[in-house]
Amino acid sequence: GWFRPAPGKEGEFVACITGSGRNTYFANSLKCRF
C-alpha cells in the first residue's frame, strides 16, 4: 500500500495492490490520476 499523512489519522490511503498484482484499489479522489 501507499499512504500519506493526514491530520488525526495514521495515514491517508492512496492505493494498494495484492501480492499477485491482479487486484488494485485506489482512493476515490485519486483514481483518475494515480
PDB file of all heavy atoms in Angstrom:
ATOM      1  N   GLY A   1       0.810  -1.199   0.000  1.00  0.00           N
ATOM      2  CA  GLY A   1       0.000   0.000   0.000  1.00  0.00           C
ATOM      3  C   GLY A   1       0.848   1.256   0.000  1.00  0.00           C
ATOM      4  O   GLY A   1       2.020   1.236   0.388  1.00  0.00           O
ATOM      5  N   TRP A   2       0.254   2.342  -0.466  1.00  0.00           N
ATOM      6  CA  TRP A   2       0.854   3.671  -0.396  1.00  0.00           C
ATOM      7  C   TRP A   2      -0.038   4.562   0.454  1.00  0.00           C
ATOM      8  O   TRP A   2      -1.267   4.560   0.295  1.00  0.00           O
ATOM      9  CB  TRP A   2       1.021   4.289  -1.786  1.00  0.00           C
ATOM     10  CG  TRP A   2       2.143   3.714  -2.595  1.00  0.00           C
ATOM     11  CD1 TRP A   2       2.075   2.735  -3.529  1.00  0.00           C
ATOM     12  CD2 TRP A   2       3.520   4.124  -2.552  1.00  0.00           C
ATOM     13  NE1 TRP A   2       3.309   2.493  -4.072  1.00  0.00           N
ATOM     14  CE2 TRP A   2       4.222   3.334  -3.489  1.00  0.00           C
ATOM     15  CE3 TRP A   2       4.226   5.073  -1.814  1.00  0.00           C
ATOM     16  CZ2 TRP A   2       5.595   3.462  -3.714  1.00  0.00           C
ATOM     17  CZ3 TRP A   2       5.592   5.200  -2.031  1.00  0.00           C
ATOM     18  CH2 TRP A   2       6.255   4.399  -2.971  1.00  0.00           C
ATOM     19  N   PHE A   3       0.575   5.337   1.345  1.00  0.00           N
ATOM     20  CA  PHE A   3      -0.144   6.225   2.246  1.00  0.00           C
ATOM     21  C   PHE A   3       0.565   7.568   2.328  1.00  0.00           C
ATOM     22  O   PHE A   3       1.749   7.683   2.032  1.00  0.00           O
ATOM     23  CB  PHE A   3      -0.239   5.622   3.651  1.00  0.00           C
ATOM     24  CG  PHE A   3      -1.005   4.328   3.718  1.00  0.00           C
ATOM     25  CD1 PHE A   3      -0.386   3.124   3.461  1.00  0.00           C
ATOM     26  CD2 PHE A   3      -2.356   4.327   4.043  1.00  0.00           C
ATOM     27  CE1 PHE A   3      -1.086   1.930   3.518  1.00  0.00           C
ATOM     28  CE2 PHE A   3      -3.073   3.142   4.107  1.00  0.00           C
ATOM     29  CZ  PHE A   3      -2.431   1.946   3.842  1.00  0.00           C
ATOM     30  N   ARG A   4      -0.172   8.567   2.753  1.00  0.00           N
ATOM     31  CA  ARG A   4       0.405   9.867   3.056  1.00  0.00           C
ATOM     32  C   ARG A   4      -0.254  10.397   4.319  1.00  0.00           C
ATOM     33  O   ARG A   4      -1.397  10.076   4.606  1.00  0.00           O
ATOM     34  CB  ARG A   4       0.237  10.830   1.880  1.00  0.00           C
ATOM     35  CG  ARG A   4      -1.203  11.164   1.521  1.00  0.00           C
ATOM     36  CD  ARG A   4      -1.273  11.925   0.204  1.00  0.00           C
ATOM     37  NE  ARG A   4      -2.613  12.364  -0.100  1.00  0.00           N
ATOM     38  CZ  ARG A   4      -2.993  12.925  -1.248  1.00  0.00           C
ATOM     39  NH1 ARG A   4      -2.098  13.103  -2.214  1.00  0.00           N
ATOM     40  NH2 ARG A   4      -4.244  13.292  -1.426  1.00  0.00           N
ATOM     41  N   PRO A   5       0.446  11.211   5.121  1.00  0.00           N
ATOM     42  CA  PRO A   5      -0.087  11.667   6.406  1.00  0.00           C
ATOM     43  C   PRO A   5      -1.370  12.475   6.255  1.00  0.00           C
ATOM     44  O   PRO A   5      -1.569  13.183   5.269  1.00  0.00           O
ATOM     45  CB  PRO A   5       1.034  12.529   6.981  1.00  0.00           C
ATOM     46  CG  PRO A   5       2.271  12.052   6.308  1.00  0.00           C
ATOM     47  CD  PRO A   5       1.831  11.669   4.924  1.00  0.00           C
ATOM     48  N   ALA A   6      -2.215  12.361   7.264  1.00  0.00           N
ATOM     49  CA  ALA A   6      -3.440  13.143   7.350  1.00  0.00           C
ATOM     50  C   ALA A   6      -3.673  13.508   8.808  1.00  0.00           C
ATOM     51  O   ALA A   6      -3.404  12.699   9.698  1.00  0.00           O
ATOM     52  CB  ALA A   6      -4.625  12.372   6.795  1.00  0.00           C
ATOM     53  N   PRO A   7      -4.173  14.718   9.084  1.00  0.00           N
ATOM     54  CA  PRO A   7      -4.390  15.137  10.472  1.00  0.00           C
ATOM     55  C   PRO A   7      -5.307  14.190  11.237  1.00  0.00           C
ATOM     56  O   PRO A   7      -6.378  13.828  10.755  1.00  0.00           O
ATOM     57  CB  PRO A   7      -5.039  16.519  10.325  1.00  0.00           C
ATOM     58  CG  PRO A   7      -4.567  17.015   8.997  1.00  0.00           C
ATOM     59  CD  PRO A   7      -4.506  15.795   8.132  1.00  0.00           C
ATOM     60  N   GLY A   8      -4.878  13.785  12.447  1.00  0.00           N
ATOM     61  CA  GLY A   8      -5.679  12.927  13.297  1.00  0.00           C
ATOM     62  C   GLY A   8      -5.813  11.494  12.834  1.00  0.00           C
ATOM     63  O   GLY A   8      -6.592  10.740  13.410  1.00  0.00           O
ATOM     64  N   LYS A   9      -5.064  11.112  11.819  1.00  0.00           N
ATOM     65  CA  LYS A   9      -5.139   9.764  11.290  1.00  0.00           C
ATOM     66  C   LYS A   9      -3.736   9.201  11.106  1.00  0.00           C
ATOM     67  O   LYS A   9      -2.763   9.934  10.992  1.00  0.00           O
ATOM     68  CB  LYS A   9      -5.890   9.758   9.957  1.00  0.00           C
ATOM     69  CG  LYS A   9      -7.322  10.255  10.046  1.00  0.00           C
ATOM     70  CD  LYS A   9      -7.942  10.449   8.681  1.00  0.00           C
ATOM     71  CE  LYS A   9      -8.060   9.162   7.914  1.00  0.00           C
ATOM     72  NZ  LYS A   9      -8.737   9.360   6.603  1.00  0.00           N
ATOM     73  N   GLU A  10      -3.647   7.879  11.099  1.00  0.00           N
ATOM     74  CA  GLU A  10      -2.345   7.239  10.919  1.00  0.00           C
ATOM     75  C   GLU A  10      -1.793   7.483   9.523  1.00  0.00           C
ATOM     76  O   GLU A  10      -0.581   7.548   9.330  1.00  0.00           O
ATOM     77  CB  GLU A  10      -2.443   5.744  11.199  1.00  0.00           C
ATOM     78  CG  GLU A  10      -2.742   5.406  12.644  1.00  0.00           C
ATOM     79  CD  GLU A  10      -2.750   3.914  12.898  1.00  0.00           C
ATOM     80  OE1 GLU A  10      -2.505   3.145  11.959  1.00  0.00           O
ATOM     81  OE2 GLU A  10      -3.002   3.517  14.049  1.00  0.00           O
ATOM     82  N   GLY A  11      -2.671   7.607   8.573  1.00  0.00           N
ATOM     83  CA  GLY A  11      -2.260   7.855   7.208  1.00  0.00           C
ATOM     84  C   GLY A  11      -3.448   7.856   6.276  1.00  0.00           C
ATOM     85  O   GLY A  11      -4.412   7.130   6.489  1.00  0.00           O
ATOM     86  N   GLU A  12      -3.389   8.707   5.262  1.00  0.00           N
ATOM     87  CA  GLU A  12      -4.429   8.746   4.254  1.00  0.00           C
ATOM     88  C   GLU A  12      -4.139   7.693   3.203  1.00  0.00           C
ATOM     89  O   GLU A  12      -3.073   7.679   2.599  1.00  0.00           O
ATOM     90  CB  GLU A  12      -4.501  10.127   3.611  1.00  0.00           C
ATOM     91  CG  GLU A  12      -5.544  10.223   2.505  1.00  0.00           C
ATOM     92  CD  GLU A  12      -5.512  11.544   1.783  1.00  0.00           C
ATOM     93  OE1 GLU A  12      -4.533  12.290   1.948  1.00  0.00           O
ATOM     94  OE2 GLU A  12      -6.485  11.832   1.052  1.00  0.00           O
ATOM     95  N   PHE A  13      -5.103   6.824   2.987  1.00  0.00           N
ATOM     96  CA  PHE A  13      -4.924   5.781   1.991  1.00  0.00           C
ATOM     97  C   PHE A  13      -4.812   6.382   0.599  1.00  0.00           C
ATOM     98  O   PHE A  13      -5.593   7.245   0.220  1.00  0.00           O
ATOM     99  CB  PHE A  13      -6.097   4.799   2.043  1.00  0.00           C
ATOM    100  CG  PHE A  13      -6.102   3.820   0.905  1.00  0.00           C
ATOM    101  CD1 PHE A  13      -5.186   2.780   0.872  1.00  0.00           C
ATOM    102  CD2 PHE A  13      -7.011   3.939  -0.127  1.00  0.00           C
ATOM    103  CE1 PHE A  13      -5.174   1.876  -0.179  1.00  0.00           C
ATOM    104  CE2 PHE A  13      -7.013   3.042  -1.182  1.00  0.00           C
ATOM    105  CZ  PHE A  13      -6.090   2.010  -1.201  1.00  0.00           C
ATOM    106  N   VAL A  14      -3.831   5.886  -0.155  1.00  0.00           N
ATOM    107  CA  VAL A  14      -3.629   6.311  -1.527  1.00  0.00           C
ATOM    108  C   VAL A  14      -3.986   5.190  -2.491  1.00  0.00           C
ATOM    109  O   VAL A  14      -4.831   5.350  -3.372  1.00  0.00           O
ATOM    110  CB  VAL A  14      -2.184   6.781  -1.763  1.00  0.00           C
ATOM    111  CG1 VAL A  14      -1.959   7.109  -3.235  1.00  0.00           C
ATOM    112  CG2 VAL A  14      -1.863   7.986  -0.885  1.00  0.00           C
ATOM    113  N   ALA A  15      -3.336   4.041  -2.333  1.00  0.00           N
ATOM    114  CA  ALA A  15      -3.559   2.918  -3.232  1.00  0.00           C
ATOM    115  C   ALA A  15      -2.977   1.656  -2.614  1.00  0.00           C
ATOM    116  O   ALA A  15      -2.087   1.714  -1.765  1.00  0.00           O
ATOM    117  CB  ALA A  15      -2.931   3.164  -4.605  1.00  0.00           C
ATOM    118  N   CYS A  16      -3.473   0.504  -3.036  1.00  0.00           N
ATOM    119  CA  CYS A  16      -2.898  -0.763  -2.597  1.00  0.00           C
ATOM    120  C   CYS A  16      -3.007  -1.777  -3.719  1.00  0.00           C
ATOM    121  O   CYS A  16      -3.774  -1.614  -4.659  1.00  0.00           O
ATOM    122  CB  CYS A  16      -3.561  -1.284  -1.316  1.00  0.00           C
ATOM    123  SG  CYS A  16      -5.308  -1.686  -1.464  1.00  0.00           S
ATOM    124  N   ILE A  17      -2.230  -2.847  -3.597  1.00  0.00           N
ATOM    125  CA  ILE A  17      -2.181  -3.870  -4.624  1.00  0.00           C
ATOM    126  C   ILE A  17      -1.931  -5.215  -3.964  1.00  0.00           C
ATOM    127  O   ILE A  17      -1.181  -5.325  -2.995  1.00  0.00           O
ATOM    128  CB  ILE A  17      -1.092  -3.533  -5.673  1.00  0.00           C
ATOM    129  CG1 ILE A  17      -1.128  -4.501  -6.856  1.00  0.00           C
ATOM    130  CG2 ILE A  17       0.294  -3.506  -5.018  1.00  0.00           C
ATOM    131  CD1 ILE A  17      -0.263  -4.037  -8.014  1.00  0.00           C
ATOM    132  N   THR A  18      -2.565  -6.257  -4.468  1.00  0.00           N
ATOM    133  CA  THR A  18      -2.393  -7.587  -3.913  1.00  0.00           C
ATOM    134  C   THR A  18      -1.025  -8.138  -4.270  1.00  0.00           C
ATOM    135  O   THR A  18      -0.319  -7.625  -5.139  1.00  0.00           O
ATOM    136  CB  THR A  18      -3.480  -8.537  -4.424  1.00  0.00           C
ATOM    137  OG1 THR A  18      -3.459  -8.560  -5.857  1.00  0.00           O
ATOM    138  CG2 THR A  18      -4.857  -8.097  -3.954  1.00  0.00           C
ATOM    139  N   GLY A  19      -0.633  -9.214  -3.588  1.00  0.00           N
ATOM    140  CA  GLY A  19       0.668  -9.812  -3.823  1.00  0.00           C
ATOM    141  C   GLY A  19       0.887 -10.238  -5.257  1.00  0.00           C
ATOM    142  O   GLY A  19       1.990 -10.099  -5.801  1.00  0.00           O
ATOM    143  N   SER A  20      -0.154 -10.733  -5.895  1.00  0.00           N
ATOM    144  CA  SER A  20      -0.055 -11.178  -7.279  1.00  0.00           C
ATOM    145  C   SER A  20      -0.062 -10.017  -8.263  1.00  0.00           C
ATOM    146  O   SER A  20       0.339 -10.185  -9.413  1.00  0.00           O
ATOM    147  CB  SER A  20      -1.205 -12.119  -7.607  1.00  0.00           C
ATOM    148  OG  SER A  20      -2.441 -11.433  -7.595  1.00  0.00           O
ATOM    149  N   GLY A  21      -0.544  -8.863  -7.823  1.00  0.00           N
ATOM    150  CA  GLY A  21      -0.685  -7.723  -8.703  1.00  0.00           C
ATOM    151  C   GLY A  21      -1.956  -7.723  -9.521  1.00  0.00           C
ATOM    152  O   GLY A  21      -2.177  -6.806 -10.319  1.00  0.00           O
ATOM    153  N   ARG A  22      -2.817  -8.704  -9.330  1.00  0.00           N
ATOM    154  CA  ARG A  22      -4.029  -8.814 -10.135  1.00  0.00           C
ATOM    155  C   ARG A  22      -5.130  -7.866  -9.685  1.00  0.00           C
ATOM    156  O   ARG A  22      -6.031  -7.561 -10.469  1.00  0.00           O
ATOM    157  CB  ARG A  22      -4.550 -10.248 -10.101  1.00  0.00           C
ATOM    158  CG  ARG A  22      -3.630 -11.262 -10.760  1.00  0.00           C
ATOM    159  CD  ARG A  22      -4.261 -12.628 -10.783  1.00  0.00           C
ATOM    160  NE  ARG A  22      -5.486 -12.646 -11.562  1.00  0.00           N
ATOM    161  CZ  ARG A  22      -6.305 -13.692 -11.662  1.00  0.00           C
ATOM    162  NH1 ARG A  22      -6.016 -14.816 -11.017  1.00  0.00           N
ATOM    163  NH2 ARG A  22      -7.407 -13.612 -12.389  1.00  0.00           N
ATOM    164  N   ASN A  23      -5.084  -7.426  -8.434  1.00  0.00           N
ATOM    165  CA  ASN A  23      -6.125  -6.560  -7.895  1.00  0.00           C
ATOM    166  C   ASN A  23      -5.513  -5.293  -7.306  1.00  0.00           C
ATOM    167  O   ASN A  23      -4.519  -5.350  -6.585  1.00  0.00           O
ATOM    168  CB  ASN A  23      -6.941  -7.281  -6.826  1.00  0.00           C
ATOM    169  CG  ASN A  23      -7.647  -8.508  -7.358  1.00  0.00           C
ATOM    170  OD1 ASN A  23      -7.199  -9.637  -7.139  1.00  0.00           O
ATOM    171  ND2 ASN A  23      -8.751  -8.293  -8.074  1.00  0.00           N
ATOM    172  N   THR A  24      -6.125  -4.164  -7.624  1.00  0.00           N
ATOM    173  CA  THR A  24      -5.689  -2.878  -7.092  1.00  0.00           C
ATOM    174  C   THR A  24      -6.887  -2.098  -6.582  1.00  0.00           C
ATOM    175  O   THR A  24      -8.026  -2.338  -6.992  1.00  0.00           O
ATOM    176  CB  THR A  24      -4.962  -2.046  -8.162  1.00  0.00           C
ATOM    177  OG1 THR A  24      -5.840  -1.817  -9.277  1.00  0.00           O
ATOM    178  CG2 THR A  24      -3.712  -2.772  -8.650  1.00  0.00           C
ATOM    179  N   TYR A  25      -6.631  -1.152  -5.693  1.00  0.00           N
ATOM    180  CA  TYR A  25      -7.669  -0.311  -5.143  1.00  0.00           C
ATOM    181  C   TYR A  25      -7.088   1.067  -4.898  1.00  0.00           C
ATOM    182  O   TYR A  25      -5.960   1.199  -4.424  1.00  0.00           O
ATOM    183  CB  TYR A  25      -8.220  -0.898  -3.843  1.00  0.00           C
ATOM    184  CG  TYR A  25      -9.465  -0.209  -3.346  1.00  0.00           C
ATOM    185  CD1 TYR A  25     -10.705  -0.520  -3.877  1.00  0.00           C
ATOM    186  CD2 TYR A  25      -9.398   0.752  -2.344  1.00  0.00           C
ATOM    187  CE1 TYR A  25     -11.849   0.107  -3.433  1.00  0.00           C
ATOM    188  CE2 TYR A  25     -10.541   1.388  -1.895  1.00  0.00           C
ATOM    189  CZ  TYR A  25     -11.767   1.061  -2.443  1.00  0.00           C
ATOM    190  OH  TYR A  25     -12.901   1.684  -1.997  1.00  0.00           O
ATOM    191  N   PHE A  26      -7.868   2.095  -5.213  1.00  0.00           N
ATOM    192  CA  PHE A  26      -7.421   3.477  -5.082  1.00  0.00           C
ATOM    193  C   PHE A  26      -8.416   4.293  -4.274  1.00  0.00           C
ATOM    194  O   PHE A  26      -9.614   4.010  -4.283  1.00  0.00           O
ATOM    195  CB  PHE A  26      -7.275   4.129  -6.461  1.00  0.00           C
ATOM    196  CG  PHE A  26      -6.311   3.442  -7.380  1.00  0.00           C
ATOM    197  CD1 PHE A  26      -6.736   2.417  -8.203  1.00  0.00           C
ATOM    198  CD2 PHE A  26      -4.984   3.818  -7.427  1.00  0.00           C
ATOM    199  CE1 PHE A  26      -5.861   1.777  -9.062  1.00  0.00           C
ATOM    200  CE2 PHE A  26      -4.090   3.192  -8.279  1.00  0.00           C
ATOM    201  CZ  PHE A  26      -4.533   2.168  -9.091  1.00  0.00           C
ATOM    202  N   ALA A  27      -7.900   5.311  -3.599  1.00  0.00           N
ATOM    203  CA  ALA A  27      -8.795   6.295  -3.008  1.00  0.00           C
ATOM    204  C   ALA A  27      -9.622   6.912  -4.128  1.00  0.00           C
ATOM    205  O   ALA A  27      -9.093   7.221  -5.197  1.00  0.00           O
ATOM    206  CB  ALA A  27      -7.997   7.374  -2.280  1.00  0.00           C
ATOM    207  N   ASN A  28     -10.926   7.082  -3.882  1.00  0.00           N
ATOM    208  CA  ASN A  28     -11.818   7.545  -4.940  1.00  0.00           C
ATOM    209  C   ASN A  28     -11.363   8.851  -5.571  1.00  0.00           C
ATOM    210  O   ASN A  28     -11.471   9.031  -6.790  1.00  0.00           O
ATOM    211  CB  ASN A  28     -13.239   7.697  -4.396  1.00  0.00           C
ATOM    212  CG  ASN A  28     -13.909   6.369  -4.137  1.00  0.00           C
ATOM    213  OD1 ASN A  28     -13.572   5.360  -4.751  1.00  0.00           O
ATOM    214  ND2 ASN A  28     -14.864   6.358  -3.225  1.00  0.00           N
ATOM    215  N   SER A  29     -10.846   9.763  -4.772  1.00  0.00           N
ATOM    216  CA  SER A  29     -10.446  11.066  -5.274  1.00  0.00           C
ATOM    217  C   SER A  29      -9.186  11.016  -6.131  1.00  0.00           C
ATOM    218  O   SER A  29      -8.875  11.991  -6.815  1.00  0.00           O
ATOM    219  CB  SER A  29     -10.235  12.036  -4.109  1.00  0.00           C
ATOM    220  OG  SER A  29      -9.195  11.595  -3.259  1.00  0.00           O
ATOM    221  N   LEU A  30      -8.480   9.904  -6.119  1.00  0.00           N
ATOM    222  CA  LEU A  30      -7.210   9.791  -6.828  1.00  0.00           C
ATOM    223  C   LEU A  30      -7.248   8.813  -7.995  1.00  0.00           C
ATOM    224  O   LEU A  30      -6.247   8.667  -8.693  1.00  0.00           O
ATOM    225  CB  LEU A  30      -6.104   9.372  -5.856  1.00  0.00           C
ATOM    226  CG  LEU A  30      -5.887  10.272  -4.644  1.00  0.00           C
ATOM    227  CD1 LEU A  30      -4.846   9.669  -3.714  1.00  0.00           C
ATOM    228  CD2 LEU A  30      -5.471  11.665  -5.081  1.00  0.00           C
ATOM    229  N   LYS A  31      -8.358   8.160  -8.217  1.00  0.00           N
ATOM    230  CA  LYS A  31      -8.439   7.107  -9.233  1.00  0.00           C
ATOM    231  C   LYS A  31      -8.027   7.568 -10.623  1.00  0.00           C
ATOM    232  O   LYS A  31      -7.423   6.803 -11.383  1.00  0.00           O
ATOM    233  CB  LYS A  31      -9.858   6.538  -9.287  1.00  0.00           C
ATOM    234  CG  LYS A  31     -10.219   5.606  -8.149  1.00  0.00           C
ATOM    235  CD  LYS A  31     -11.620   5.047  -8.347  1.00  0.00           C
ATOM    236  CE  LYS A  31     -11.970   4.058  -7.252  1.00  0.00           C
ATOM    237  NZ  LYS A  31     -13.345   3.527  -7.428  1.00  0.00           N
ATOM    238  N   CYS A  32      -8.348   8.786 -10.967  1.00  0.00           N
ATOM    239  CA  CYS A  32      -8.087   9.273 -12.314  1.00  0.00           C
ATOM    240  C   CYS A  32      -6.648   9.741 -12.518  1.00  0.00           C
ATOM    241  O   CYS A  32      -6.227   9.949 -13.659  1.00  0.00           O
ATOM    242  CB  CYS A  32      -9.040  10.415 -12.664  1.00  0.00           C
ATOM    243  SG  CYS A  32     -10.786   9.940 -12.737  1.00  0.00           S
ATOM    244  N   ARG A  33      -5.895   9.911 -11.438  1.00  0.00           N
ATOM    245  CA  ARG A  33      -4.560  10.495 -11.542  1.00  0.00           C
ATOM    246  C   ARG A  33      -3.435   9.583 -11.080  1.00  0.00           C
ATOM    247  O   ARG A  33      -2.307   9.730 -11.548  1.00  0.00           O
ATOM    248  CB  ARG A  33      -4.498  11.801 -10.755  1.00  0.00           C
ATOM    249  CG  ARG A  33      -5.480  12.855 -11.236  1.00  0.00           C
ATOM    250  CD  ARG A  33      -5.202  14.213 -10.594  1.00  0.00           C
ATOM    251  NE  ARG A  33      -5.411  14.198  -9.148  1.00  0.00           N
ATOM    252  CZ  ARG A  33      -4.458  14.380  -8.243  1.00  0.00           C
ATOM    253  NH1 ARG A  33      -3.199  14.589  -8.634  1.00  0.00           N
ATOM    254  NH2 ARG A  33      -4.737  14.365  -6.945  1.00  0.00           N
ATOM    255  N   PHE A  34      -3.709   8.669 -10.163  1.00  0.00           N
ATOM    256  CA  PHE A  34      -2.664   7.818  -9.591  1.00  0.00           C
ATOM    257  C   PHE A  34      -2.849   6.367 -10.029  1.00  0.00           C
ATOM    258  O   PHE A  34      -3.976   5.893 -10.167  1.00  0.00           O
ATOM    259  CB  PHE A  34      -2.703   7.868  -8.061  1.00  0.00           C
ATOM    260  CG  PHE A  34      -2.205   9.157  -7.449  1.00  0.00           C
ATOM    261  CD1 PHE A  34      -2.088  10.316  -8.189  1.00  0.00           C
ATOM    262  CD2 PHE A  34      -1.850   9.190  -6.109  1.00  0.00           C
ATOM    263  CE1 PHE A  34      -1.636  11.494  -7.629  1.00  0.00           C
ATOM    264  CE2 PHE A  34      -1.393  10.361  -5.526  1.00  0.00           C
ATOM    265  CZ  PHE A  34      -1.286  11.514  -6.286  1.00  0.00           C
TER     266      PHE A  34
END
